[in-house]
Amino acid sequence: MEASRAGEHGKGFAVVSQEVRKLAEQTKTSVTEIRKLISLSNQHTKQVLGHLESVSDAVRAGAAASESTTSSFRHVVGSIDKSNAIADHVRRQMDEVSVTVEAIQHSTTEVASSAESLNRAAANA
């Protein structure tokens, strides 16, 4: 209205006013789009944080499993060492038994020889 009363100068004012309205609409549309993008970005951020938490949980579980496995291997190695020590002890005892059996065999041979000599001496007497 004011533009029509102002004449030629009013036409310029109307054009500027129309451009300002277009810019205001574009700004409003842009702000709406920016809000949508921010909302979408926030959703993605929450998803990424959730995934990071899952990865963190998996890493913790993996570390605990690794510690358990290491402990089990140490236990196995300890058991093998004990078994080796027992086997060495048994081997030494078997060596002692073998030496004793050989000594008994030698003594038995001597006793048998002495018995034969006594039998012969008794038979000759």
PDB file of N, CA and C in Angstrom:
ATOM      1  N   MET A   1       0.801  -1.195   0.000  1.00  0.00           N
ATOM      2  CA  MET A   1       0.000   0.000   0.000  1.00  0.00           C
ATOM      3  C   MET A   1       0.842   1.256   0.000  1.00  0.00           C
ATOM      4  N   GLU A   2       1.768   1.220   0.920  1.00  0.00           N
ATOM      5  CA  GLU A   2       2.653   2.383   1.016  1.00  0.00           C
ATOM      6  C   GLU A   2       3.401   2.571  -0.285  1.00  0.00           C
ATOM      7  N   ALA A   3       3.746   1.436  -0.921  1.00  0.00           N
ATOM      8  CA  ALA A   3       4.503   1.507  -2.170  1.00  0.00           C
ATOM      9  C   ALA A   3       3.673   2.167  -3.262  1.00  0.00           C
ATOM     10  N   SER A   4       2.377   1.894  -3.340  1.00  0.00           N
ATOM     11  CA  SER A   4       1.552   2.486  -4.377  1.00  0.00           C
ATOM     12  C   SER A   4       1.390   3.978  -4.125  1.00  0.00           C
ATOM     13  N   ARG A   5       1.345   4.433  -2.881  1.00  0.00           N
ATOM     14  CA  ARG A   5       1.232   5.849  -2.585  1.00  0.00           C
ATOM     15  C   ARG A   5       2.528   6.589  -2.864  1.00  0.00           C
ATOM     16  N   ALA A   6       3.632   5.874  -2.761  1.00  0.00           N
ATOM     17  CA  ALA A   6       4.923   6.528  -2.932  1.00  0.00           C
ATOM     18  C   ALA A   6       5.286   6.684  -4.395  1.00  0.00           C
ATOM     19  N   GLY A   7       4.568   6.066  -5.288  1.00  0.00           N
ATOM     20  CA  GLY A   7       4.817   6.259  -6.713  1.00  0.00           C
ATOM     21  C   GLY A   7       5.986   5.425  -7.184  1.00  0.00           C
ATOM     22  N   GLU A   8       6.847   6.066  -8.023  1.00  0.00           N
ATOM     23  CA  GLU A   8       7.993   5.392  -8.628  1.00  0.00           C
ATOM     24  C   GLU A   8       8.936   4.853  -7.568  1.00  0.00           C
ATOM     25  N   HIS A   9       9.136   5.623  -6.525  1.00  0.00           N
ATOM     26  CA  HIS A   9      10.021   5.181  -5.446  1.00  0.00           C
ATOM     27  C   HIS A   9       9.420   4.001  -4.716  1.00  0.00           C
ATOM     28  N   GLY A  10       8.133   3.919  -4.689  1.00  0.00           N
ATOM     29  CA  GLY A  10       7.439   2.823  -4.017  1.00  0.00           C
ATOM     30  C   GLY A  10       7.634   1.512  -4.736  1.00  0.00           C
ATOM     31  N   LYS A  11       7.774   1.558  -6.083  1.00  0.00           N
ATOM     32  CA  LYS A  11       8.007   0.321  -6.837  1.00  0.00           C
ATOM     33  C   LYS A  11       9.322  -0.308  -6.404  1.00  0.00           C
ATOM     34  N   GLY A  12      10.320   0.479  -6.253  1.00  0.00           N
ATOM     35  CA  GLY A  12      11.629  -0.035  -5.788  1.00  0.00           C
ATOM     36  C   GLY A  12      11.514  -0.626  -4.400  1.00  0.00           C
ATOM     37  N   PHE A  13      10.732   0.062  -3.545  1.00  0.00           N
ATOM     38  CA  PHE A  13      10.531  -0.432  -2.187  1.00  0.00           C
ATOM     39  C   PHE A  13       9.803  -1.759  -2.227  1.00  0.00           C
ATOM     40  N   ALA A  14       8.818  -1.921  -3.110  1.00  0.00           N
ATOM     41  CA  ALA A  14       8.059  -3.162  -3.236  1.00  0.00           C
ATOM     42  C   ALA A  14       8.970  -4.296  -3.698  1.00  0.00           C
ATOM     43  N   VAL A  15       9.861  -4.003  -4.641  1.00  0.00           N
ATOM     44  CA  VAL A  15      10.793  -5.037  -5.137  1.00  0.00           C
ATOM     45  C   VAL A  15      11.715  -5.482  -3.999  1.00  0.00           C
ATOM     46  N   VAL A  16      12.239  -4.507  -3.268  1.00  0.00           N
ATOM     47  CA  VAL A  16      13.136  -4.834  -2.143  1.00  0.00           C
ATOM     48  C   VAL A  16      12.372  -5.617  -1.094  1.00  0.00           C
ATOM     49  N   SER A  17      11.153  -5.200  -0.825  1.00  0.00           N
ATOM     50  CA  SER A  17      10.327  -5.883   0.170  1.00  0.00           C
ATOM     51  C   SER A  17      10.071  -7.328  -0.258  1.00  0.00           C
ATOM     52  N   GLN A  18       9.774  -7.539  -1.532  1.00  0.00           N
ATOM     53  CA  GLN A  18       9.536  -8.884  -2.063  1.00  0.00           C
ATOM     54  C   GLN A  18      10.799  -9.733  -1.908  1.00  0.00           C
ATOM     55  N   GLU A  19      11.949  -9.173  -2.195  1.00  0.00           N
ATOM     56  CA  GLU A  19      13.217  -9.907  -2.077  1.00  0.00           C
ATOM     57  C   GLU A  19      13.488 -10.264  -0.616  1.00  0.00           C
ATOM     58  N   VAL A  20      13.173  -9.332   0.281  1.00  0.00           N
ATOM     59  CA  VAL A  20      13.374  -9.603   1.719  1.00  0.00           C
ATOM     60  C   VAL A  20      12.481 -10.758   2.132  1.00  0.00           C
ATOM     61  N   ARG A  21      11.221 -10.797   1.658  1.00  0.00           N
ATOM     62  CA  ARG A  21      10.308 -11.908   1.973  1.00  0.00           C
ATOM     63  C   ARG A  21      10.875 -13.225   1.442  1.00  0.00           C
ATOM     64  N   LYS A  22      11.398 -13.223   0.210  1.00  0.00           N
ATOM     65  CA  LYS A  22      11.981 -14.445  -0.361  1.00  0.00           C
ATOM     66  C   LYS A  22      13.168 -14.919   0.483  1.00  0.00           C
ATOM     67  N   LEU A  23      14.020 -13.950   0.882  1.00  0.00           N
ATOM     68  CA  LEU A  23      15.178 -14.311   1.704  1.00  0.00           C
ATOM     69  C   LEU A  23      14.726 -14.857   3.063  1.00  0.00           C
ATOM     70  N   ALA A  24      13.678 -14.286   3.621  1.00  0.00           N
ATOM     71  CA  ALA A  24      13.151 -14.760   4.909  1.00  0.00           C
ATOM     72  C   ALA A  24      12.634 -16.185   4.764  1.00  0.00           C
ATOM     73  N   GLU A  25      11.937 -16.488   3.667  1.00  0.00           N
ATOM     74  CA  GLU A  25      11.435 -17.845   3.416  1.00  0.00           C
ATOM     75  C   GLU A  25      12.595 -18.810   3.224  1.00  0.00           C
ATOM     76  N   GLN A  26      13.590 -18.385   2.457  1.00  0.00           N
ATOM     77  CA  GLN A  26      14.753 -19.245   2.247  1.00  0.00           C
ATOM     78  C   GLN A  26      15.481 -19.505   3.578  1.00  0.00           C
ATOM     79  N   THR A  27      15.588 -18.461   4.389  1.00  0.00           N
ATOM     80  CA  THR A  27      16.231 -18.605   5.695  1.00  0.00           C
ATOM     81  C   THR A  27      15.449 -19.581   6.566  1.00  0.00           C
ATOM     82  N   LYS A  28      14.112 -19.447   6.540  1.00  0.00           N
ATOM     83  CA  LYS A  28      13.262 -20.334   7.320  1.00  0.00           C
ATOM     84  C   LYS A  28      13.439 -21.786   6.850  1.00  0.00           C
ATOM     85  N   THR A  29      13.457 -21.983   5.531  1.00  0.00           N
ATOM     86  CA  THR A  29      13.654 -23.318   4.960  1.00  0.00           C
ATOM     87  C   THR A  29      15.039 -23.855   5.340  1.00  0.00           C
ATOM     88  N   SER A  30      16.038 -23.001   5.245  1.00  0.00           N
ATOM     89  CA  SER A  30      17.404 -23.409   5.587  1.00  0.00           C
ATOM     90  C   SER A  30      17.512 -23.784   7.063  1.00  0.00           C
ATOM     91  N   VAL A  31      16.893 -23.006   7.939  1.00  0.00           N
ATOM     92  CA  VAL A  31      16.919 -23.304   9.376  1.00  0.00           C
ATOM     93  C   VAL A  31      16.252 -24.653   9.642  1.00  0.00           C
ATOM     94  N   THR A  32      15.129 -24.924   8.959  1.00  0.00           N
ATOM     95  CA  THR A  32      14.443 -26.207   9.115  1.00  0.00           C
ATOM     96  C   THR A  32      15.352 -27.347   8.664  1.00  0.00           C
ATOM     97  N   GLU A  33      16.006 -27.166   7.522  1.00  0.00           N
ATOM     98  CA  GLU A  33      16.926 -28.199   7.021  1.00  0.00           C
ATOM     99  C   GLU A  33      18.099 -28.398   7.979  1.00  0.00           C
ATOM    100  N   ILE A  34      18.620 -27.313   8.504  1.00  0.00           N
ATOM    101  CA  ILE A  34      19.737 -27.401   9.457  1.00  0.00           C
ATOM    102  C   ILE A  34      19.303 -28.158  10.704  1.00  0.00           C
ATOM    103  N   ARG A  35      18.099 -27.890  11.196  1.00  0.00           N
ATOM    104  CA  ARG A  35      17.578 -28.612  12.373  1.00  0.00           C
ATOM    105  C   ARG A  35      17.485 -30.109  12.080  1.00  0.00           C
ATOM    106  N   LYS A  36      16.991 -30.443  10.879  1.00  0.00           N
ATOM    107  CA  LYS A  36      16.897 -31.858  10.494  1.00  0.00           C
ATOM    108  C   LYS A  36      18.291 -32.496  10.473  1.00  0.00           C
ATOM    109  N   LEU A  37      19.255 -31.769   9.884  1.00  0.00           N
ATOM    110  CA  LEU A  37      20.618 -32.291   9.809  1.00  0.00           C
ATOM    111  C   LEU A  37      21.233 -32.468  11.203  1.00  0.00           C
ATOM    112  N   ILE A  38      20.977 -31.516  12.081  1.00  0.00           N
ATOM    113  CA  ILE A  38      21.493 -31.616  13.455  1.00  0.00           C
ATOM    114  C   ILE A  38      20.867 -32.818  14.160  1.00  0.00           C
ATOM    115  N   SER A  39      19.559 -32.981  13.974  1.00  0.00           N
ATOM    116  CA  SER A  39      18.868 -34.123  14.583  1.00  0.00           C
ATOM    117  C   SER A  39      19.435 -35.443  14.054  1.00  0.00           C
ATOM    118  N   LEU A  40      19.628 -35.522  12.746  1.00  0.00           N
ATOM    119  CA  LEU A  40      20.194 -36.718  12.134  1.00  0.00           C
ATOM    120  C   LEU A  40      21.621 -36.948  12.633  1.00  0.00           C
ATOM    121  N   SER A  41      22.382 -35.885  12.741  1.00  0.00           N
ATOM    122  CA  SER A  41      23.748 -35.974  13.253  1.00  0.00           C
ATOM    123  C   SER A  41      23.753 -36.486  14.697  1.00  0.00           C
ATOM    124  N   ASN A  42      22.825 -36.008  15.504  1.00  0.00           N
ATOM    125  CA  ASN A  42      22.717 -36.472  16.898  1.00  0.00           C
ATOM    126  C   ASN A  42      22.372 -37.957  16.959  1.00  0.00           C
ATOM    127  N   GLN A  43      21.480 -38.394  16.058  1.00  0.00           N
ATOM    128  CA  GLN A  43      21.121 -39.814  16.016  1.00  0.00           C
ATOM    129  C   GLN A  43      22.343 -40.661  15.654  1.00  0.00           C
ATOM    130  N   HIS A  44      23.080 -40.211  14.653  1.00  0.00           N
ATOM    131  CA  HIS A  44      24.285 -40.943  14.246  1.00  0.00           C
ATOM    132  C   HIS A  44      25.318 -40.960  15.374  1.00  0.00           C
ATOM    133  N   THR A  45      25.436 -39.859  16.069  1.00  0.00           N
ATOM    134  CA  THR A  45      26.377 -39.777  17.187  1.00  0.00           C
ATOM    135  C   THR A  45      26.000 -40.791  18.269  1.00  0.00           C
ATOM    136  N   LYS A  46      24.699 -40.874  18.573  1.00  0.00           N
ATOM    137  CA  LYS A  46      24.248 -41.848  19.579  1.00  0.00           C
ATOM    138  C   LYS A  46      24.537 -43.275  19.117  1.00  0.00           C
ATOM    139  N   GLN A  47      24.311 -43.544  17.834  1.00  0.00           N
ATOM    140  CA  GLN A  47      24.592 -44.881  17.304  1.00  0.00           C
ATOM    141  C   GLN A  47      26.085 -45.199  17.395  1.00  0.00           C
ATOM    142  N   VAL A  48      26.915 -44.237  17.026  1.00  0.00           N
ATOM    143  CA  VAL A  48      28.360 -44.445  17.086  1.00  0.00           C
ATOM    144  C   VAL A  48      28.786 -44.694  18.526  1.00  0.00           C
ATOM    145  N   LEU A  49      28.259 -43.923  19.452  1.00  0.00           N
ATOM    146  CA  LEU A  49      28.590 -44.116  20.870  1.00  0.00           C
ATOM    147  C   LEU A  49      28.164 -45.509  21.342  1.00  0.00           C
ATOM    148  N   GLY A  50      26.992 -45.948  20.896  1.00  0.00           N
ATOM    149  CA  GLY A  50      26.533 -47.299  21.247  1.00  0.00           C
ATOM    150  C   GLY A  50      27.464 -48.364  20.693  1.00  0.00           C
ATOM    151  N   HIS A  51      27.891 -48.176  19.448  1.00  0.00           N
ATOM    152  CA  HIS A  51      28.816 -49.133  18.840  1.00  0.00           C
ATOM    153  C   HIS A  51      30.173 -49.115  19.553  1.00  0.00           C
ATOM    154  N   LEU A  52      30.623 -47.929  19.907  1.00  0.00           N
ATOM    155  CA  LEU A  52      31.895 -47.822  20.625  1.00  0.00           C
ATOM    156  C   LEU A  52      31.811 -48.527  21.975  1.00  0.00           C
ATOM    157  N   GLU A  53      30.696 -48.399  22.639  1.00  0.00           N
ATOM    158  CA  GLU A  53      30.498 -49.082  23.930  1.00  0.00           C
ATOM    159  C   GLU A  53      30.516 -50.592  23.729  1.00  0.00           C
ATOM    160  N   SER A  54      29.882 -51.060  22.650  1.00  0.00           N
ATOM    161  CA  SER A  54      29.890 -52.500  22.342  1.00  0.00           C
ATOM    162  C   SER A  54      31.312 -52.983  22.070  1.00  0.00           C
ATOM    163  N   VAL A  55      32.055 -52.212  21.301  1.00  0.00           N
ATOM    164  CA  VAL A  55      33.444 -52.570  21.012  1.00  0.00           C
ATOM    165  C   VAL A  55      34.262 -52.586  22.297  1.00  0.00           C
ATOM    166  N   SER A  56      34.048 -51.595  23.135  1.00  0.00           N
ATOM    167  CA  SER A  56      34.761 -51.527  24.413  1.00  0.00           C
ATOM    168  C   SER A  56      34.446 -52.747  25.276  1.00  0.00           C
ATOM    169  N   ASP A  57      33.175 -53.145  25.322  1.00  0.00           N
ATOM    170  CA  ASP A  57      32.780 -54.340  26.075  1.00  0.00           C
ATOM    171  C   ASP A  57      33.449 -55.585  25.498  1.00  0.00           C
ATOM    172  N   ALA A  58      33.483 -55.673  24.175  1.00  0.00           N
ATOM    173  CA  ALA A  58      34.112 -56.837  23.525  1.00  0.00           C
ATOM    174  C   ALA A  58      35.613 -56.879  23.816  1.00  0.00           C
ATOM    175  N   VAL A  59      36.256 -55.729  23.821  1.00  0.00           N
ATOM    176  CA  VAL A  59      37.685 -55.672  24.122  1.00  0.00           C
ATOM    177  C   VAL A  59      37.935 -56.105  25.566  1.00  0.00           C
ATOM    178  N   ARG A  60      37.084 -55.633  26.487  1.00  0.00           N
ATOM    179  CA  ARG A  60      37.233 -56.044  27.892  1.00  0.00           C
ATOM    180  C   ARG A  60      37.046 -57.552  28.035  1.00  0.00           C
ATOM    181  N   ALA A  61      36.033 -58.091  27.360  1.00  0.00           N
ATOM    182  CA  ALA A  61      35.786 -59.536  27.422  1.00  0.00           C
ATOM    183  C   ALA A  61      36.959 -60.301  26.817  1.00  0.00           C
ATOM    184  N   GLY A  62      37.500 -59.805  25.718  1.00  0.00           N
ATOM    185  CA  GLY A  62      38.655 -60.443  25.092  1.00  0.00           C
ATOM    186  C   GLY A  62      39.875 -60.420  26.003  1.00  0.00           C
ATOM    187  N   ALA A  63      40.081 -59.308  26.679  1.00  0.00           N
ATOM    188  CA  ALA A  63      41.214 -59.203  27.604  1.00  0.00           C
ATOM    189  C   ALA A  63      41.050 -60.183  28.759  1.00  0.00           C
ATOM    190  N   ALA A  64      39.827 -60.299  29.281  1.00  0.00           N
ATOM    191  CA  ALA A  64      39.573 -61.242  30.381  1.00  0.00           C
ATOM    192  C   ALA A  64      39.790 -62.679  29.910  1.00  0.00           C
ATOM    193  N   ALA A  65      39.338 -62.995  28.706  1.00  0.00           N
ATOM    194  CA  ALA A  65      39.533 -64.349  28.159  1.00  0.00           C
ATOM    195  C   ALA A  65      41.016 -64.621  27.950  1.00  0.00           C
ATOM    196  N   SER A  66      41.748 -63.626  27.492  1.00  0.00           N
ATOM    197  CA  SER A  66      43.184 -63.772  27.286  1.00  0.00           C
ATOM    198  C   SER A  66      43.900 -64.034  28.613  1.00  0.00           C
ATOM    199  N   GLU A  67      43.518 -63.306  29.650  1.00  0.00           N
ATOM    200  CA  GLU A  67      44.106 -63.524  30.975  1.00  0.00           C
ATOM    201  C   GLU A  67      43.795 -64.929  31.475  1.00  0.00           C
ATOM    202  N   SER A  68      42.572 -65.377  31.263  1.00  0.00           N
ATOM    203  CA  SER A  68      42.181 -66.721  31.681  1.00  0.00           C
ATOM    204  C   SER A  68      42.976 -67.780  30.936  1.00  0.00           C
ATOM    205  N   THR A  69      43.150 -67.574  29.635  1.00  0.00           N
ATOM    206  CA  THR A  69      43.923 -68.515  28.818  1.00  0.00           C
ATOM    207  C   THR A  69      45.376 -68.550  29.275  1.00  0.00           C
ATOM    208  N   THR A  70      45.946 -67.398  29.539  1.00  0.00           N
ATOM    209  CA  THR A  70      47.328 -67.318  30.018  1.00  0.00           C
ATOM    210  C   THR A  70      47.465 -68.063  31.343  1.00  0.00           C
ATOM    211  N   SER A  71      46.518 -67.866  32.231  1.00  0.00           N
ATOM    212  CA  SER A  71      46.538 -68.560  33.514  1.00  0.00           C
ATOM    213  C   SER A  71      46.446 -70.068  33.323  1.00  0.00           C
ATOM    214  N   SER A  72      45.579 -70.501  32.416  1.00  0.00           N
ATOM    215  CA  SER A  72      45.440 -71.935  32.139  1.00  0.00           C
ATOM    216  C   SER A  72      46.736 -72.507  31.584  1.00  0.00           C
ATOM    217  N   PHE A  73      47.378 -71.792  30.653  1.00  0.00           N
ATOM    218  CA  PHE A  73      48.643 -72.265  30.098  1.00  0.00           C
ATOM    219  C   PHE A  73      49.716 -72.353  31.184  1.00  0.00           C
ATOM    220  N   ARG A  74      49.746 -71.386  32.066  1.00  0.00           N
ATOM    221  CA  ARG A  74      50.721 -71.431  33.165  1.00  0.00           C
ATOM    222  C   ARG A  74      50.467 -72.653  34.046  1.00  0.00           C
ATOM    223  N   HIS A  75      49.203 -72.935  34.302  1.00  0.00           N
ATOM    224  CA  HIS A  75      48.851 -74.106  35.100  1.00  0.00           C
ATOM    225  C   HIS A  75      49.302 -75.387  34.394  1.00  0.00           C
ATOM    226  N   VAL A  76      49.078 -75.476  33.096  1.00  0.00           N
ATOM    227  CA  VAL A  76      49.495 -76.654  32.318  1.00  0.00           C
ATOM    228  C   VAL A  76      51.011 -76.808  32.374  1.00  0.00           C
ATOM    229  N   VAL A  77      51.738 -75.714  32.183  1.00  0.00           N
ATOM    230  CA  VAL A  77      53.204 -75.767  32.229  1.00  0.00           C
ATOM    231  C   VAL A  77      53.669 -76.223  33.604  1.00  0.00           C
ATOM    232  N   GLY A  78      53.031 -75.715  34.657  1.00  0.00           N
ATOM    233  CA  GLY A  78      53.373 -76.140  36.025  1.00  0.00           C
ATOM    234  C   GLY A  78      53.123 -77.628  36.216  1.00  0.00           C
ATOM    235  N   SER A  79      52.008 -78.122  35.695  1.00  0.00           N
ATOM    236  CA  SER A  79      51.692 -79.549  35.796  1.00  0.00           C
ATOM    237  C   SER A  79      52.706 -80.396  35.036  1.00  0.00           C
ATOM    238  N   ILE A  80      53.114 -79.941  33.866  1.00  0.00           N
ATOM    239  CA  ILE A  80      54.126 -80.663  33.085  1.00  0.00           C
ATOM    240  C   ILE A  80      55.447 -80.706  33.853  1.00  0.00           C
ATOM    241  N   ASP A  81      55.824 -79.584  34.450  1.00  0.00           N
ATOM    242  CA  ASP A  81      57.059 -79.550  35.238  1.00  0.00           C
ATOM    243  C   ASP A  81      56.985 -80.530  36.405  1.00  0.00           C
ATOM    244  N   LYS A  82      55.839 -80.575  37.099  1.00  0.00           N
ATOM    245  CA  LYS A  82      55.677 -81.520  38.213  1.00  0.00           C
ATOM    246  C   LYS A  82      55.747 -82.959  37.711  1.00  0.00           C
ATOM    247  N   SER A  83      55.095 -83.240  36.584  1.00  0.00           N
ATOM    248  CA  SER A  83      55.128 -84.592  36.011  1.00  0.00           C
ATOM    249  C   SER A  83      56.553 -84.990  35.648  1.00  0.00           C
ATOM    250  N   ASN A  84      57.319 -84.067  35.080  1.00  0.00           N
ATOM    251  CA  ASN A  84      58.718 -84.347  34.741  1.00  0.00           C
ATOM    252  C   ASN A  84      59.530 -84.648  35.999  1.00  0.00           C
ATOM    253  N   ALA A  85      59.291 -83.882  37.049  1.00  0.00           N
ATOM    254  CA  ALA A  85      60.016 -84.109  38.311  1.00  0.00           C
ATOM    255  C   ALA A  85      59.662 -85.481  38.880  1.00  0.00           C
ATOM    256  N   ILE A  86      58.387 -85.849  38.832  1.00  0.00           N
ATOM    257  CA  ILE A  86      57.960 -87.162  39.333  1.00  0.00           C
ATOM    258  C   ILE A  86      58.581 -88.270  38.481  1.00  0.00           C
ATOM    259  N   ALA A  87      58.578 -88.106  37.164  1.00  0.00           N
ATOM    260  CA  ALA A  87      59.165 -89.106  36.270  1.00  0.00           C
ATOM    261  C   ALA A  87      60.659 -89.270  36.558  1.00  0.00           C
ATOM    262  N   ASP A  88      61.372 -88.188  36.791  1.00  0.00           N
ATOM    263  CA  ASP A  88      62.797 -88.264  37.131  1.00  0.00           C
ATOM    264  C   ASP A  88      62.993 -89.010  38.449  1.00  0.00           C
ATOM    265  N   HIS A  89      62.159 -88.725  39.427  1.00  0.00           N
ATOM    266  CA  HIS A  89      62.238 -89.393  40.730  1.00  0.00           C
ATOM    267  C   HIS A  89      61.994 -90.899  40.567  1.00  0.00           C
ATOM    268  N   VAL A  90      60.979 -91.275  39.793  1.00  0.00           N
ATOM    269  CA  VAL A  90      60.665 -92.689  39.553  1.00  0.00           C
ATOM    270  C   VAL A  90      61.829 -93.359  38.824  1.00  0.00           C
ATOM    271  N   ARG A  91      62.419 -92.676  37.844  1.00  0.00           N
ATOM    272  CA  ARG A  91      63.559 -93.237  37.116  1.00  0.00           C
ATOM    273  C   ARG A  91      64.723 -93.512  38.056  1.00  0.00           C
ATOM    274  N   ARG A  92      65.024 -92.572  38.952  1.00  0.00           N
ATOM    275  CA  ARG A  92      66.118 -92.772  39.920  1.00  0.00           C
ATOM    276  C   ARG A  92      65.808 -93.959  40.834  1.00  0.00           C
ATOM    277  N   GLN A  93      64.550 -94.083  41.277  1.00  0.00           N
ATOM    278  CA  GLN A  93      64.176 -95.219  42.133  1.00  0.00           C
ATOM    279  C   GLN A  93      64.287 -96.535  41.362  1.00  0.00           C
ATOM    280  N   MET A  94      63.890 -96.524  40.088  1.00  0.00           N
ATOM    281  CA  MET A  94      63.999 -97.742  39.271  1.00  0.00           C
ATOM    282  C   MET A  94      65.465 -98.123  39.084  1.00  0.00           C
ATOM    283  N   ASP A  95      66.333 -97.119  38.910  1.00  0.00           N
ATOM    284  CA  ASP A  95      67.777 -97.398  38.807  1.00  0.00           C
ATOM    285  C   ASP A  95      68.274 -98.055  40.094  1.00  0.00           C
ATOM    286  N   GLU A  96      67.827 -97.553  41.242  1.00  0.00           N
ATOM    287  CA  GLU A  96      68.216 -98.133  42.533  1.00  0.00           C
ATOM    288  C   GLU A  96      67.707 -99.572  42.658  1.00  0.00           C
ATOM    289  N   VAL A  97      66.459 -99.815  42.234  1.00  0.00           N
ATOM    290  CA  VAL A  97      65.896-101.167  42.278  1.00  0.00           C
ATOM    291  C   VAL A  97      66.711-102.089  41.367  1.00  0.00           C
ATOM    292  N   SER A  98      67.077-101.596  40.203  1.00  0.00           N
ATOM    293  CA  SER A  98      67.866-102.392  39.257  1.00  0.00           C
ATOM    294  C   SER A  98      69.206-102.771  39.873  1.00  0.00           C
ATOM    295  N   VAL A  99      69.869-101.814  40.513  1.00  0.00           N
ATOM    296  CA  VAL A  99      71.148-102.085  41.170  1.00  0.00           C
ATOM    297  C   VAL A  99      70.948-103.114  42.282  1.00  0.00           C
ATOM    298  N   THR A 100      69.876-102.985  43.042  1.00  0.00           N
ATOM    299  CA  THR A 100      69.589-103.928  44.130  1.00  0.00           C
ATOM    300  C   THR A 100      69.322-105.323  43.582  1.00  0.00           C
ATOM    301  N   VAL A 101      68.553-105.420  42.496  1.00  0.00           N
ATOM    302  CA  VAL A 101      68.253-106.716  41.880  1.00  0.00           C
ATOM    303  C   VAL A 101      69.548-107.360  41.377  1.00  0.00           C
ATOM    304  N   GLU A 102      70.426-106.562  40.765  1.00  0.00           N
ATOM    305  CA  GLU A 102      71.710-107.094  40.306  1.00  0.00           C
ATOM    306  C   GLU A 102      72.542-107.604  41.483  1.00  0.00           C
ATOM    307  N   ALA A 103      72.521-106.855  42.591  1.00  0.00           N
ATOM    308  CA  ALA A 103      73.269-107.285  43.783  1.00  0.00           C
ATOM    309  C   ALA A 103      72.689-108.579  44.331  1.00  0.00           C
ATOM    310  N   ILE A 104      71.339-108.679  44.346  1.00  0.00           N
ATOM    311  CA  ILE A 104      70.694-109.908  44.818  1.00  0.00           C
ATOM    312  C   ILE A 104      71.060-111.060  43.893  1.00  0.00           C
ATOM    313  N   GLN A 105      71.061-110.824  42.588  1.00  0.00           N
ATOM    314  CA  GLN A 105      71.410-111.861  41.612  1.00  0.00           C
ATOM    315  C   GLN A 105      72.848-112.327  41.841  1.00  0.00           C
ATOM    316  N   HIS A 106      73.733-111.368  42.048  1.00  0.00           N
ATOM    317  CA  HIS A 106      75.136-111.708  42.301  1.00  0.00           C
ATOM    318  C   HIS A 106      75.259-112.520  43.592  1.00  0.00           C
ATOM    319  N   SER A 107      74.558-112.069  44.637  1.00  0.00           N
ATOM    320  CA  SER A 107      74.601-112.785  45.924  1.00  0.00           C
ATOM    321  C   SER A 107      74.006-114.173  45.783  1.00  0.00           C
ATOM    322  N   THR A 108      72.899-114.290  45.022  1.00  0.00           N
ATOM    323  CA  THR A 108      72.258-115.584  44.817  1.00  0.00           C
ATOM    324  C   THR A 108      73.206-116.529  44.092  1.00  0.00           C
ATOM    325  N   THR A 109      73.926-116.010  43.109  1.00  0.00           N
ATOM    326  CA  THR A 109      74.895-116.819  42.367  1.00  0.00           C
ATOM    327  C   THR A 109      75.994-117.302  43.316  1.00  0.00           C
ATOM    328  N   GLU A 110      76.462-116.423  44.175  1.00  0.00           N
ATOM    329  CA  GLU A 110      77.507-116.806  45.148  1.00  0.00           C
ATOM    330  C   GLU A 110      76.977-117.839  46.127  1.00  0.00           C
ATOM    331  N   VAL A 111      75.741-117.659  46.619  1.00  0.00           N
ATOM    332  CA  VAL A 111      75.146-118.621  47.557  1.00  0.00           C
ATOM    333  C   VAL A 111      74.988-119.972  46.873  1.00  0.00           C
ATOM    334  N   ALA A 112      74.517-119.973  45.608  1.00  0.00           N
ATOM    335  CA  ALA A 112      74.344-121.231  44.876  1.00  0.00           C
ATOM    336  C   ALA A 112      75.689-121.918  44.678  1.00  0.00           C
ATOM    337  N   SER A 113      76.704-121.145  44.365  1.00  0.00           N
ATOM    338  CA  SER A 113      78.035-121.700  44.171  1.00  0.00           C
ATOM    339  C   SER A 113      78.559-122.291  45.477  1.00  0.00           C
ATOM    340  N   SER A 114      78.353-121.578  46.561  1.00  0.00           N
ATOM    341  CA  SER A 114      78.784-122.072  47.877  1.00  0.00           C
ATOM    342  C   SER A 114      78.023-123.333  48.242  1.00  0.00           C
ATOM    343  N   ALA A 115      76.734-123.397  47.945  1.00  0.00           N
ATOM    344  CA  ALA A 115      75.914-124.576  48.256  1.00  0.00           C
ATOM    345  C   ALA A 115      76.410-125.773  47.464  1.00  0.00           C
ATOM    346  N   GLU A 116      76.763-125.557  46.193  1.00  0.00           N
ATOM    347  CA  GLU A 116      77.283-126.657  45.380  1.00  0.00           C
ATOM    348  C   GLU A 116      78.601-127.162  45.943  1.00  0.00           C
ATOM    349  N   SER A 117      79.441-126.206  46.357  1.00  0.00           N
ATOM    350  CA  SER A 117      80.728-126.606  46.941  1.00  0.00           C
ATOM    351  C   SER A 117      80.511-127.396  48.201  1.00  0.00           C
ATOM    352  N   LEU A 118      79.568-126.985  49.038  1.00  0.00           N
ATOM    353  CA  LEU A 118      79.276-127.715  50.266  1.00  0.00           C
ATOM    354  C   LEU A 118      78.712-129.097  49.969  1.00  0.00           C
ATOM    355  N   ASN A 119      77.855-129.188  48.962  1.00  0.00           N
ATOM    356  CA  ASN A 119      77.274-130.472  48.571  1.00  0.00           C
ATOM    357  C   ASN A 119      78.375-131.407  48.078  1.00  0.00           C
ATOM    358  N   ARG A 120      79.291-130.900  47.282  1.00  0.00           N
ATOM    359  CA  ARG A 120      80.372-131.723  46.785  1.00  0.00           C
ATOM    360  C   ARG A 120      81.288-132.170  47.929  1.00  0.00           C
ATOM    361  N   ALA A 121      81.550-131.227  48.841  1.00  0.00           N
ATOM    362  CA  ALA A 121      82.413-131.577  49.972  1.00  0.00           C
ATOM    363  C   ALA A 121      81.716-132.613  50.852  1.00  0.00           C
ATOM    364  N   ALA A 122      80.428-132.507  51.018  1.00  0.00           N
ATOM    365  CA  ALA A 122      79.683-133.457  51.828  1.00  0.00           C
ATOM    366  C   ALA A 122      79.614-134.798  51.131  1.00  0.00           C
ATOM    367  N   ALA A 123      79.526-134.805  49.843  1.00  0.00           N
ATOM    368  CA  ALA A 123      79.442-136.045  49.067  1.00  0.00           C
ATOM    369  C   ALA A 123      80.795-136.753  49.079  1.00  0.00           C
ATOM    370  N   ASN A 124      81.857-136.035  49.130  1.00  0.00           N
ATOM    371  CA  ASN A 124      83.192-136.605  49.144  1.00  0.00           C
ATOM    372  C   ASN A 124      83.572-137.043  50.546  1.00  0.00           C
ATOM    373  N   ALA A 125      82.934-136.634  51.480  1.00  0.00           N
ATOM    374  CA  ALA A 125      83.328-136.940  52.848  1.00  0.00           C
ATOM    375  C   ALA A 125      82.821-138.213  53.365  1.00  0.00           C
TER     376      ALA A 125
END
